[in-house]
Amino acid sequence: MPRFVRWIGCPMMTLALLGAPVAQADNASFVAETRALGFQQWDDVLIRMGLSSCRFLQPHLRRDAVDVEEHIMRYAGVEPDQAHQFLVLSVNEYCPQYADRVGA
């Protein structure tokens, strides 16, 4: 019995020390909103595109919002306004720390 208590107690103590898990992005609402913009890609592709948009905006890559929007236009075959709106949605959902870079 003590072995079981150690096995269960250790992870529980870790959770207690670390606090509640961090909230995850709402992929379902992100996909629904991008579909409303006219994007037709599969759900997982849209989510990966959103996450990639955030990675492209990382400061060490030195890309601006226009560069990322052009990439979205080429990859998804959408118009500039759709690409911009997709980028804003991506930033709001997955990387709000870059909101100032996209005018969100």
PDB file of N, CA and C in Angstrom:
ATOM      1  N   MET A   1       0.805  -1.205   0.000  1.00  0.00           N
ATOM      2  CA  MET A   1       0.000   0.000   0.000  1.00  0.00           C
ATOM      3  C   MET A   1       0.853   1.276   0.000  1.00  0.00           C
ATOM      4  N   PRO A   2       1.928   1.381   0.760  1.00  0.00           N
ATOM      5  CA  PRO A   2       2.727   2.599   0.732  1.00  0.00           C
ATOM      6  C   PRO A   2       3.265   2.918  -0.669  1.00  0.00           C
ATOM      7  N   ARG A   3       3.620   1.882  -1.433  1.00  0.00           N
ATOM      8  CA  ARG A   3       4.118   2.106  -2.780  1.00  0.00           C
ATOM      9  C   ARG A   3       3.036   2.800  -3.629  1.00  0.00           C
ATOM     10  N   PHE A   4       1.783   2.365  -3.520  1.00  0.00           N
ATOM     11  CA  PHE A   4       0.666   2.959  -4.238  1.00  0.00           C
ATOM     12  C   PHE A   4       0.481   4.424  -3.839  1.00  0.00           C
ATOM     13  N   VAL A   5       0.576   4.686  -2.557  1.00  0.00           N
ATOM     14  CA  VAL A   5       0.415   6.059  -2.073  1.00  0.00           C
ATOM     15  C   VAL A   5       1.519   6.946  -2.645  1.00  0.00           C
ATOM     16  N   ARG A   6       2.750   6.454  -2.687  1.00  0.00           N
ATOM     17  CA  ARG A   6       3.841   7.238  -3.276  1.00  0.00           C
ATOM     18  C   ARG A   6       3.599   7.461  -4.763  1.00  0.00           C
ATOM     19  N   TRP A   7       3.114   6.430  -5.450  1.00  0.00           N
ATOM     20  CA  TRP A   7       2.890   6.508  -6.885  1.00  0.00           C
ATOM     21  C   TRP A   7       1.809   7.537  -7.212  1.00  0.00           C
ATOM     22  N   ILE A   8       0.732   7.558  -6.451  1.00  0.00           N
ATOM     23  CA  ILE A   8      -0.362   8.507  -6.665  1.00  0.00           C
ATOM     24  C   ILE A   8      -0.024   9.872  -6.054  1.00  0.00           C
ATOM     25  N   GLY A   9       0.592   9.865  -4.908  1.00  0.00           N
ATOM     26  CA  GLY A   9       0.854  11.108  -4.186  1.00  0.00           C
ATOM     27  C   GLY A   9       1.822  12.026  -4.875  1.00  0.00           C
ATOM     28  N   CYS A  10       2.828  11.487  -5.524  1.00  0.00           N
ATOM     29  CA  CYS A  10       3.849  12.311  -6.162  1.00  0.00           C
ATOM     30  C   CYS A  10       3.270  13.162  -7.303  1.00  0.00           C
ATOM     31  N   PRO A  11       2.542  12.572  -8.252  1.00  0.00           N
ATOM     32  CA  PRO A  11       1.953  13.421  -9.296  1.00  0.00           C
ATOM     33  C   PRO A  11       0.936  14.410  -8.738  1.00  0.00           C
ATOM     34  N   MET A  12       0.194  13.997  -7.740  1.00  0.00           N
ATOM     35  CA  MET A  12      -0.797  14.900  -7.166  1.00  0.00           C
ATOM     36  C   MET A  12      -0.110  16.089  -6.502  1.00  0.00           C
ATOM     37  N   MET A  13       0.990  15.846  -5.823  1.00  0.00           N
ATOM     38  CA  MET A  13       1.737  16.923  -5.188  1.00  0.00           C
ATOM     39  C   MET A  13       2.302  17.860  -6.259  1.00  0.00           C
ATOM     40  N   THR A  14       2.778  17.300  -7.362  1.00  0.00           N
ATOM     41  CA  THR A  14       3.294  18.120  -8.451  1.00  0.00           C
ATOM     42  C   THR A  14       2.206  19.031  -8.995  1.00  0.00           C
ATOM     43  N   LEU A  15       0.999  18.486  -9.209  1.00  0.00           N
ATOM     44  CA  LEU A  15      -0.104  19.306  -9.686  1.00  0.00           C
ATOM     45  C   LEU A  15      -0.462  20.393  -8.681  1.00  0.00           C
ATOM     46  N   ALA A  16      -0.434  20.047  -7.417  1.00  0.00           N
ATOM     47  CA  ALA A  16      -0.759  21.031  -6.390  1.00  0.00           C
ATOM     48  C   ALA A  16       0.264  22.167  -6.378  1.00  0.00           C
ATOM     49  N   LEU A  17       1.532  21.833  -6.575  1.00  0.00           N
ATOM     50  CA  LEU A  17       2.573  22.846  -6.567  1.00  0.00           C
ATOM     51  C   LEU A  17       2.548  23.720  -7.824  1.00  0.00           C
ATOM     52  N   LEU A  18       2.211  23.113  -8.954  1.00  0.00           N
ATOM     53  CA  LEU A  18       2.221  23.852 -10.205  1.00  0.00           C
ATOM     54  C   LEU A  18       0.936  24.617 -10.454  1.00  0.00           C
ATOM     55  N   GLY A  19      -0.107  24.273  -9.773  1.00  0.00           N
ATOM     56  CA  GLY A  19      -1.388  24.943  -9.976  1.00  0.00           C
ATOM     57  C   GLY A  19      -2.191  24.296 -11.080  1.00  0.00           C
ATOM     58  N   ALA A  20      -3.252  24.947 -11.457  1.00  0.00           N
ATOM     59  CA  ALA A  20      -4.137  24.421 -12.489  1.00  0.00           C
ATOM     60  C   ALA A  20      -3.447  24.458 -13.844  1.00  0.00           C
ATOM     61  N   PRO A  21      -3.809  23.537 -14.733  1.00  0.00           N
ATOM     62  CA  PRO A  21      -3.229  23.570 -16.081  1.00  0.00           C
ATOM     63  C   PRO A  21      -3.600  24.864 -16.797  1.00  0.00           C
ATOM     64  N   VAL A  22      -2.732  25.284 -17.682  1.00  0.00           N
ATOM     65  CA  VAL A  22      -2.957  26.495 -18.460  1.00  0.00           C
ATOM     66  C   VAL A  22      -4.065  26.221 -19.474  1.00  0.00           C
ATOM     67  N   ALA A  23      -4.933  27.184 -19.677  1.00  0.00           N
ATOM     68  CA  ALA A  23      -6.023  27.032 -20.635  1.00  0.00           C
ATOM     69  C   ALA A  23      -5.459  26.869 -22.045  1.00  0.00           C
ATOM     70  N   GLN A  24      -6.088  26.024 -22.816  1.00  0.00           N
ATOM     71  CA  GLN A  24      -5.673  25.785 -24.187  1.00  0.00           C
ATOM     72  C   GLN A  24      -6.500  26.650 -25.128  1.00  0.00           C
ATOM     73  N   ALA A  25      -5.944  26.902 -26.293  1.00  0.00           N
ATOM     74  CA  ALA A  25      -6.668  27.668 -27.300  1.00  0.00           C
ATOM     75  C   ALA A  25      -7.916  26.904 -27.710  1.00  0.00           C
ATOM     76  N   ASP A  26      -8.912  27.627 -28.152  1.00  0.00           N
ATOM     77  CA  ASP A  26     -10.172  27.024 -28.565  1.00  0.00           C
ATOM     78  C   ASP A  26     -10.107  26.751 -30.066  1.00  0.00           C
ATOM     79  N   ASN A  27      -9.613  25.574 -30.424  1.00  0.00           N
ATOM     80  CA  ASN A  27      -9.448  25.221 -31.824  1.00  0.00           C
ATOM     81  C   ASN A  27     -10.768  25.212 -32.577  1.00  0.00           C
ATOM     82  N   ALA A  28     -11.831  24.741 -31.942  1.00  0.00           N
ATOM     83  CA  ALA A  28     -13.129  24.634 -32.622  1.00  0.00           C
ATOM     84  C   ALA A  28     -13.639  26.005 -33.045  1.00  0.00           C
ATOM     85  N   SER A  29     -13.545  26.989 -32.165  1.00  0.00           N
ATOM     86  CA  SER A  29     -14.027  28.325 -32.544  1.00  0.00           C
ATOM     87  C   SER A  29     -13.110  28.953 -33.595  1.00  0.00           C
ATOM     88  N   PHE A  30     -11.808  28.690 -33.505  1.00  0.00           N
ATOM     89  CA  PHE A  30     -10.879  29.198 -34.503  1.00  0.00           C
ATOM     90  C   PHE A  30     -11.234  28.651 -35.886  1.00  0.00           C
ATOM     91  N   VAL A  31     -11.466  27.342 -35.957  1.00  0.00           N
ATOM     92  CA  VAL A  31     -11.820  26.718 -37.236  1.00  0.00           C
ATOM     93  C   VAL A  31     -13.138  27.283 -37.749  1.00  0.00           C
ATOM     94  N   ALA A  32     -14.113  27.428 -36.879  1.00  0.00           N
ATOM     95  CA  ALA A  32     -15.413  27.961 -37.297  1.00  0.00           C
ATOM     96  C   ALA A  32     -15.272  29.380 -37.845  1.00  0.00           C
ATOM     97  N   GLU A  33     -14.477  30.195 -37.184  1.00  0.00           N
ATOM     98  CA  GLU A  33     -14.287  31.577 -37.637  1.00  0.00           C
ATOM     99  C   GLU A  33     -13.537  31.643 -38.962  1.00  0.00           C
ATOM    100  N   THR A  34     -12.545  30.766 -39.147  1.00  0.00           N
ATOM    101  CA  THR A  34     -11.817  30.780 -40.418  1.00  0.00           C
ATOM    102  C   THR A  34     -12.695  30.244 -41.547  1.00  0.00           C
ATOM    103  N   ARG A  35     -13.547  29.300 -41.245  1.00  0.00           N
ATOM    104  CA  ARG A  35     -14.503  28.817 -42.254  1.00  0.00           C
ATOM    105  C   ARG A  35     -15.433  29.964 -42.677  1.00  0.00           C
ATOM    106  N   ALA A  36     -15.855  30.771 -41.714  1.00  0.00           N
ATOM    107  CA  ALA A  36     -16.723  31.909 -42.021  1.00  0.00           C
ATOM    108  C   ALA A  36     -16.011  32.917 -42.930  1.00  0.00           C
ATOM    109  N   LEU A  37     -14.688  32.939 -42.875  1.00  0.00           N
ATOM    110  CA  LEU A  37     -13.910  33.824 -43.751  1.00  0.00           C
ATOM    111  C   LEU A  37     -13.766  33.256 -45.161  1.00  0.00           C
ATOM    112  N   GLY A  38     -14.129  31.983 -45.342  1.00  0.00           N
ATOM    113  CA  GLY A  38     -14.038  31.355 -46.654  1.00  0.00           C
ATOM    114  C   GLY A  38     -12.917  30.350 -46.806  1.00  0.00           C
ATOM    115  N   PHE A  39     -12.212  30.031 -45.748  1.00  0.00           N
ATOM    116  CA  PHE A  39     -11.147  29.035 -45.819  1.00  0.00           C
ATOM    117  C   PHE A  39     -11.773  27.647 -45.880  1.00  0.00           C
ATOM    118  N   GLN A  40     -11.273  26.808 -46.801  1.00  0.00           N
ATOM    119  CA  GLN A  40     -11.860  25.483 -47.020  1.00  0.00           C
ATOM    120  C   GLN A  40     -10.946  24.332 -46.611  1.00  0.00           C
ATOM    121  N   GLN A  41      -9.781  24.612 -46.082  1.00  0.00           N
ATOM    122  CA  GLN A  41      -8.828  23.563 -45.722  1.00  0.00           C
ATOM    123  C   GLN A  41      -9.383  22.712 -44.576  1.00  0.00           C
ATOM    124  N   TRP A  42      -8.796  21.534 -44.414  1.00  0.00           N
ATOM    125  CA  TRP A  42      -9.178  20.654 -43.310  1.00  0.00           C
ATOM    126  C   TRP A  42      -8.894  21.348 -41.989  1.00  0.00           C
ATOM    127  N   ASP A  43      -9.619  20.932 -40.962  1.00  0.00           N
ATOM    128  CA  ASP A  43      -9.491  21.544 -39.638  1.00  0.00           C
ATOM    129  C   ASP A  43      -8.052  21.563 -39.151  1.00  0.00           C
ATOM    130  N   ASP A  44      -7.383  20.410 -39.229  1.00  0.00           N
ATOM    131  CA  ASP A  44      -6.014  20.342 -38.706  1.00  0.00           C
ATOM    132  C   ASP A  44      -5.061  21.230 -39.508  1.00  0.00           C
ATOM    133  N   VAL A  45      -5.325  21.390 -40.789  1.00  0.00           N
ATOM    134  CA  VAL A  45      -4.490  22.269 -41.615  1.00  0.00           C
ATOM    135  C   VAL A  45      -4.687  23.725 -41.189  1.00  0.00           C
ATOM    136  N   LEU A  46      -5.938  24.115 -40.936  1.00  0.00           N
ATOM    137  CA  LEU A  46      -6.203  25.478 -40.488  1.00  0.00           C
ATOM    138  C   LEU A  46      -5.522  25.769 -39.151  1.00  0.00           C
ATOM    139  N   ILE A  47      -5.593  24.808 -38.239  1.00  0.00           N
ATOM    140  CA  ILE A  47      -4.960  24.986 -36.929  1.00  0.00           C
ATOM    141  C   ILE A  47      -3.448  25.107 -37.080  1.00  0.00           C
ATOM    142  N   ARG A  48      -2.850  24.243 -37.897  1.00  0.00           N
ATOM    143  CA  ARG A  48      -1.399  24.322 -38.120  1.00  0.00           C
ATOM    144  C   ARG A  48      -1.017  25.635 -38.791  1.00  0.00           C
ATOM    145  N   MET A  49      -1.848  26.105 -39.732  1.00  0.00           N
ATOM    146  CA  MET A  49      -1.573  27.396 -40.370  1.00  0.00           C
ATOM    147  C   MET A  49      -1.614  28.523 -39.342  1.00  0.00           C
ATOM    148  N   GLY A  50      -2.577  28.469 -38.435  1.00  0.00           N
ATOM    149  CA  GLY A  50      -2.667  29.492 -37.396  1.00  0.00           C
ATOM    150  C   GLY A  50      -1.452  29.482 -36.493  1.00  0.00           C
ATOM    151  N   LEU A  51      -1.037  28.290 -36.086  1.00  0.00           N
ATOM    152  CA  LEU A  51       0.148  28.170 -35.228  1.00  0.00           C
ATOM    153  C   LEU A  51       1.412  28.602 -35.969  1.00  0.00           C
ATOM    154  N   SER A  52       1.502  28.244 -37.245  1.00  0.00           N
ATOM    155  CA  SER A  52       2.660  28.647 -38.049  1.00  0.00           C
ATOM    156  C   SER A  52       2.723  30.157 -38.205  1.00  0.00           C
ATOM    157  N   SER A  53       1.566  30.778 -38.352  1.00  0.00           N
ATOM    158  CA  SER A  53       1.534  32.235 -38.453  1.00  0.00           C
ATOM    159  C   SER A  53       2.179  32.866 -37.231  1.00  0.00           C
ATOM    160  N   CYS A  54       1.888  32.306 -36.076  1.00  0.00           N
ATOM    161  CA  CYS A  54       2.500  32.814 -34.844  1.00  0.00           C
ATOM    162  C   CYS A  54       4.000  32.588 -34.833  1.00  0.00           C
ATOM    163  N   ARG A  55       4.433  31.426 -35.280  1.00  0.00           N
ATOM    164  CA  ARG A  55       5.872  31.160 -35.312  1.00  0.00           C
ATOM    165  C   ARG A  55       6.586  32.128 -36.255  1.00  0.00           C
ATOM    166  N   PHE A  56       5.963  32.432 -37.392  1.00  0.00           N
ATOM    167  CA  PHE A  56       6.568  33.377 -38.332  1.00  0.00           C
ATOM    168  C   PHE A  56       6.731  34.764 -37.736  1.00  0.00           C
ATOM    169  N   LEU A  57       5.883  35.107 -36.777  1.00  0.00           N
ATOM    170  CA  LEU A  57       5.943  36.442 -36.167  1.00  0.00           C
ATOM    171  C   LEU A  57       6.958  36.543 -35.033  1.00  0.00           C
ATOM    172  N   GLN A  58       7.608  35.453 -34.682  1.00  0.00           N
ATOM    173  CA  GLN A  58       8.592  35.515 -33.602  1.00  0.00           C
ATOM    174  C   GLN A  58       9.666  36.544 -33.954  1.00  0.00           C
ATOM    175  N   PRO A  59      10.023  37.376 -32.999  1.00  0.00           N
ATOM    176  CA  PRO A  59      10.947  38.484 -33.282  1.00  0.00           C
ATOM    177  C   PRO A  59      12.267  38.070 -33.933  1.00  0.00           C
ATOM    178  N   HIS A  60      12.821  36.935 -33.562  1.00  0.00           N
ATOM    179  CA  HIS A  60      14.127  36.561 -34.115  1.00  0.00           C
ATOM    180  C   HIS A  60      14.059  36.201 -35.604  1.00  0.00           C
ATOM    181  N   LEU A  61      12.855  35.960 -36.140  1.00  0.00           N
ATOM    182  CA  LEU A  61      12.721  35.662 -37.567  1.00  0.00           C
ATOM    183  C   LEU A  61      12.619  36.921 -38.424  1.00  0.00           C
ATOM    184  N   ARG A  62      12.352  38.056 -37.772  1.00  0.00           N
ATOM    185  CA  ARG A  62      12.322  39.363 -38.435  1.00  0.00           C
ATOM    186  C   ARG A  62      11.352  39.425 -39.617  1.00  0.00           C
ATOM    187  N   ARG A  63      10.202  38.811 -39.441  1.00  0.00           N
ATOM    188  CA  ARG A  63       9.148  38.905 -40.454  1.00  0.00           C
ATOM    189  C   ARG A  63       8.047  39.797 -39.911  1.00  0.00           C
ATOM    190  N   ASP A  64       7.473  40.581 -40.798  1.00  0.00           N
ATOM    191  CA  ASP A  64       6.370  41.426 -40.351  1.00  0.00           C
ATOM    192  C   ASP A  64       5.043  40.807 -40.797  1.00  0.00           C
ATOM    193  N   ALA A  65       3.959  41.454 -40.415  1.00  0.00           N
ATOM    194  CA  ALA A  65       2.624  40.925 -40.705  1.00  0.00           C
ATOM    195  C   ALA A  65       2.384  40.781 -42.203  1.00  0.00           C
ATOM    196  N   VAL A  66       2.898  41.707 -43.004  1.00  0.00           N
ATOM    197  CA  VAL A  66       2.705  41.644 -44.458  1.00  0.00           C
ATOM    198  C   VAL A  66       3.350  40.380 -45.021  1.00  0.00           C
ATOM    199  N   ASP A  67       4.550  40.035 -44.562  1.00  0.00           N
ATOM    200  CA  ASP A  67       5.222  38.814 -45.010  1.00  0.00           C
ATOM    201  C   ASP A  67       4.362  37.590 -44.699  1.00  0.00           C
ATOM    202  N   VAL A  68       3.836  37.543 -43.504  1.00  0.00           N
ATOM    203  CA  VAL A  68       3.032  36.393 -43.078  1.00  0.00           C
ATOM    204  C   VAL A  68       1.732  36.345 -43.875  1.00  0.00           C
ATOM    205  N   GLU A  69       1.111  37.482 -44.098  1.00  0.00           N
ATOM    206  CA  GLU A  69      -0.128  37.518 -44.882  1.00  0.00           C
ATOM    207  C   GLU A  69       0.117  37.045 -46.313  1.00  0.00           C
ATOM    208  N   GLU A  70       1.237  37.430 -46.897  1.00  0.00           N
ATOM    209  CA  GLU A  70       1.570  36.960 -48.244  1.00  0.00           C
ATOM    210  C   GLU A  70       1.740  35.448 -48.267  1.00  0.00           C
ATOM    211  N   HIS A  71       2.359  34.914 -47.250  1.00  0.00           N
ATOM    212  CA  HIS A  71       2.517  33.462 -47.149  1.00  0.00           C
ATOM    213  C   HIS A  71       1.146  32.779 -47.054  1.00  0.00           C
ATOM    214  N   ILE A  72       0.256  33.326 -46.248  1.00  0.00           N
ATOM    215  CA  ILE A  72      -1.094  32.765 -46.097  1.00  0.00           C
ATOM    216  C   ILE A  72      -1.832  32.820 -47.437  1.00  0.00           C
ATOM    217  N   MET A  73      -1.708  33.942 -48.157  1.00  0.00           N
ATOM    218  CA  MET A  73      -2.372  34.069 -49.460  1.00  0.00           C
ATOM    219  C   MET A  73      -1.886  32.998 -50.434  1.00  0.00           C
ATOM    220  N   ARG A  74      -0.576  32.795 -50.486  1.00  0.00           N
ATOM    221  CA  ARG A  74      -0.019  31.793 -51.402  1.00  0.00           C
ATOM    222  C   ARG A  74      -0.440  30.386 -50.995  1.00  0.00           C
ATOM    223  N   TYR A  75      -0.329  30.080 -49.725  1.00  0.00           N
ATOM    224  CA  TYR A  75      -0.581  28.723 -49.247  1.00  0.00           C
ATOM    225  C   TYR A  75      -2.063  28.362 -49.322  1.00  0.00           C
ATOM    226  N   ALA A  76      -2.944  29.295 -48.943  1.00  0.00           N
ATOM    227  CA  ALA A  76      -4.369  28.991 -48.856  1.00  0.00           C
ATOM    228  C   ALA A  76      -5.149  29.435 -50.095  1.00  0.00           C
ATOM    229  N   GLY A  77      -4.518  30.207 -50.968  1.00  0.00           N
ATOM    230  CA  GLY A  77      -5.206  30.675 -52.157  1.00  0.00           C
ATOM    231  C   GLY A  77      -6.355  31.620 -51.855  1.00  0.00           C
ATOM    232  N   VAL A  78      -6.083  32.582 -50.970  1.00  0.00           N
ATOM    233  CA  VAL A  78      -7.123  33.526 -50.554  1.00  0.00           C
ATOM    234  C   VAL A  78      -6.712  34.949 -50.914  1.00  0.00           C
ATOM    235  N   GLU A  79      -7.651  35.855 -50.771  1.00  0.00           N
ATOM    236  CA  GLU A  79      -7.431  37.278 -51.051  1.00  0.00           C
ATOM    237  C   GLU A  79      -6.700  37.953 -49.885  1.00  0.00           C
ATOM    238  N   PRO A  80      -6.092  39.119 -50.134  1.00  0.00           N
ATOM    239  CA  PRO A  80      -5.351  39.813 -49.081  1.00  0.00           C
ATOM    240  C   PRO A  80      -6.166  40.081 -47.813  1.00  0.00           C
ATOM    241  N   ASP A  81      -7.415  40.498 -47.961  1.00  0.00           N
ATOM    242  CA  ASP A  81      -8.233  40.784 -46.788  1.00  0.00           C
ATOM    243  C   ASP A  81      -8.488  39.510 -45.970  1.00  0.00           C
ATOM    244  N   GLN A  82      -8.719  38.394 -46.652  1.00  0.00           N
ATOM    245  CA  GLN A  82      -8.918  37.127 -45.948  1.00  0.00           C
ATOM    246  C   GLN A  82      -7.649  36.721 -45.199  1.00  0.00           C
ATOM    247  N   ALA A  83      -6.507  36.901 -45.838  1.00  0.00           N
ATOM    248  CA  ALA A  83      -5.234  36.555 -45.203  1.00  0.00           C
ATOM    249  C   ALA A  83      -5.005  37.404 -43.960  1.00  0.00           C
ATOM    250  N   HIS A  84      -5.305  38.697 -44.069  1.00  0.00           N
ATOM    251  CA  HIS A  84      -5.139  39.578 -42.908  1.00  0.00           C
ATOM    252  C   HIS A  84      -6.065  39.148 -41.768  1.00  0.00           C
ATOM    253  N   GLN A  85      -7.320  38.891 -42.090  1.00  0.00           N
ATOM    254  CA  GLN A  85      -8.270  38.473 -41.056  1.00  0.00           C
ATOM    255  C   GLN A  85      -7.856  37.139 -40.433  1.00  0.00           C
ATOM    256  N   PHE A  86      -7.343  36.217 -41.254  1.00  0.00           N
ATOM    257  CA  PHE A  86      -6.850  34.944 -40.722  1.00  0.00           C
ATOM    258  C   PHE A  86      -5.699  35.181 -39.761  1.00  0.00           C
ATOM    259  N   LEU A  87      -4.774  36.058 -40.138  1.00  0.00           N
ATOM    260  CA  LEU A  87      -3.634  36.348 -39.272  1.00  0.00           C
ATOM    261  C   LEU A  87      -4.100  36.960 -37.948  1.00  0.00           C
ATOM    262  N   VAL A  88      -5.031  37.877 -38.002  1.00  0.00           N
ATOM    263  CA  VAL A  88      -5.546  38.488 -36.776  1.00  0.00           C
ATOM    264  C   VAL A  88      -6.216  37.431 -35.896  1.00  0.00           C
ATOM    265  N   LEU A  89      -7.023  36.558 -36.501  1.00  0.00           N
ATOM    266  CA  LEU A  89      -7.644  35.471 -35.728  1.00  0.00           C
ATOM    267  C   LEU A  89      -6.590  34.569 -35.102  1.00  0.00           C
ATOM    268  N   SER A  90      -5.570  34.239 -35.873  1.00  0.00           N
ATOM    269  CA  SER A  90      -4.497  33.367 -35.373  1.00  0.00           C
ATOM    270  C   SER A  90      -3.806  33.989 -34.168  1.00  0.00           C
ATOM    271  N   VAL A  91      -3.480  35.260 -34.295  1.00  0.00           N
ATOM    272  CA  VAL A  91      -2.792  35.955 -33.209  1.00  0.00           C
ATOM    273  C   VAL A  91      -3.692  36.029 -31.982  1.00  0.00           C
ATOM    274  N   ASN A  92      -4.952  36.391 -32.179  1.00  0.00           N
ATOM    275  CA  ASN A  92      -5.863  36.483 -31.041  1.00  0.00           C
ATOM    276  C   ASN A  92      -6.030  35.140 -30.330  1.00  0.00           C
ATOM    277  N   GLU A  93      -6.026  34.058 -31.082  1.00  0.00           N
ATOM    278  CA  GLU A  93      -6.267  32.737 -30.503  1.00  0.00           C
ATOM    279  C   GLU A  93      -4.994  32.088 -29.957  1.00  0.00           C
ATOM    280  N   TYR A  94      -3.898  32.172 -30.700  1.00  0.00           N
ATOM    281  CA  TYR A  94      -2.712  31.381 -30.369  1.00  0.00           C
ATOM    282  C   TYR A  94      -1.516  32.171 -29.845  1.00  0.00           C
ATOM    283  N   CYS A  95      -1.432  33.450 -30.145  1.00  0.00           N
ATOM    284  CA  CYS A  95      -0.257  34.215 -29.699  1.00  0.00           C
ATOM    285  C   CYS A  95      -0.611  35.680 -29.469  1.00  0.00           C
ATOM    286  N   PRO A  96      -1.456  35.950 -28.492  1.00  0.00           N
ATOM    287  CA  PRO A  96      -1.880  37.339 -28.255  1.00  0.00           C
ATOM    288  C   PRO A  96      -0.732  38.289 -27.926  1.00  0.00           C
ATOM    289  N   GLN A  97       0.415  37.760 -27.565  1.00  0.00           N
ATOM    290  CA  GLN A  97       1.562  38.622 -27.274  1.00  0.00           C
ATOM    291  C   GLN A  97       2.036  39.377 -28.524  1.00  0.00           C
ATOM    292  N   TYR A  98       1.600  38.955 -29.725  1.00  0.00           N
ATOM    293  CA  TYR A  98       1.985  39.622 -30.967  1.00  0.00           C
ATOM    294  C   TYR A  98       0.860  40.501 -31.521  1.00  0.00           C
ATOM    295  N   ALA A  99      -0.164  40.767 -30.752  1.00  0.00           N
ATOM    296  CA  ALA A  99      -1.312  41.531 -31.242  1.00  0.00           C
ATOM    297  C   ALA A  99      -0.903  42.898 -31.769  1.00  0.00           C
ATOM    298  N   ASP A 100       0.073  43.519 -31.159  1.00  0.00           N
ATOM    299  CA  ASP A 100       0.504  44.840 -31.617  1.00  0.00           C
ATOM    300  C   ASP A 100       1.180  44.791 -32.997  1.00  0.00           C
ATOM    301  N   ARG A 101       1.655  43.631 -33.393  1.00  0.00           N
ATOM    302  CA  ARG A 101       2.339  43.487 -34.687  1.00  0.00           C
ATOM    303  C   ARG A 101       1.386  43.339 -35.853  1.00  0.00           C
ATOM    304  N   VAL A 102       0.120  43.010 -35.561  1.00  0.00           N
ATOM    305  CA  VAL A 102      -0.851  42.801 -36.641  1.00  0.00           C
ATOM    306  C   VAL A 102      -2.029  43.747 -36.571  1.00  0.00           C
ATOM    307  N   GLY A 103      -1.995  44.674 -35.647  1.00  0.00           N
ATOM    308  CA  GLY A 103      -3.100  45.617 -35.493  1.00  0.00           C
ATOM    309  C   GLY A 103      -4.353  44.977 -34.955  1.00  0.00           C
ATOM    310  N   ALA A 104      -4.186  43.951 -34.133  1.00  0.00           N
ATOM    311  CA  ALA A 104      -5.354  43.238 -33.566  1.00  0.00           C
ATOM    312  C   ALA A 104      -5.882  43.948 -32.343  1.00  0.00           C
TER     313      ALA A 104
END
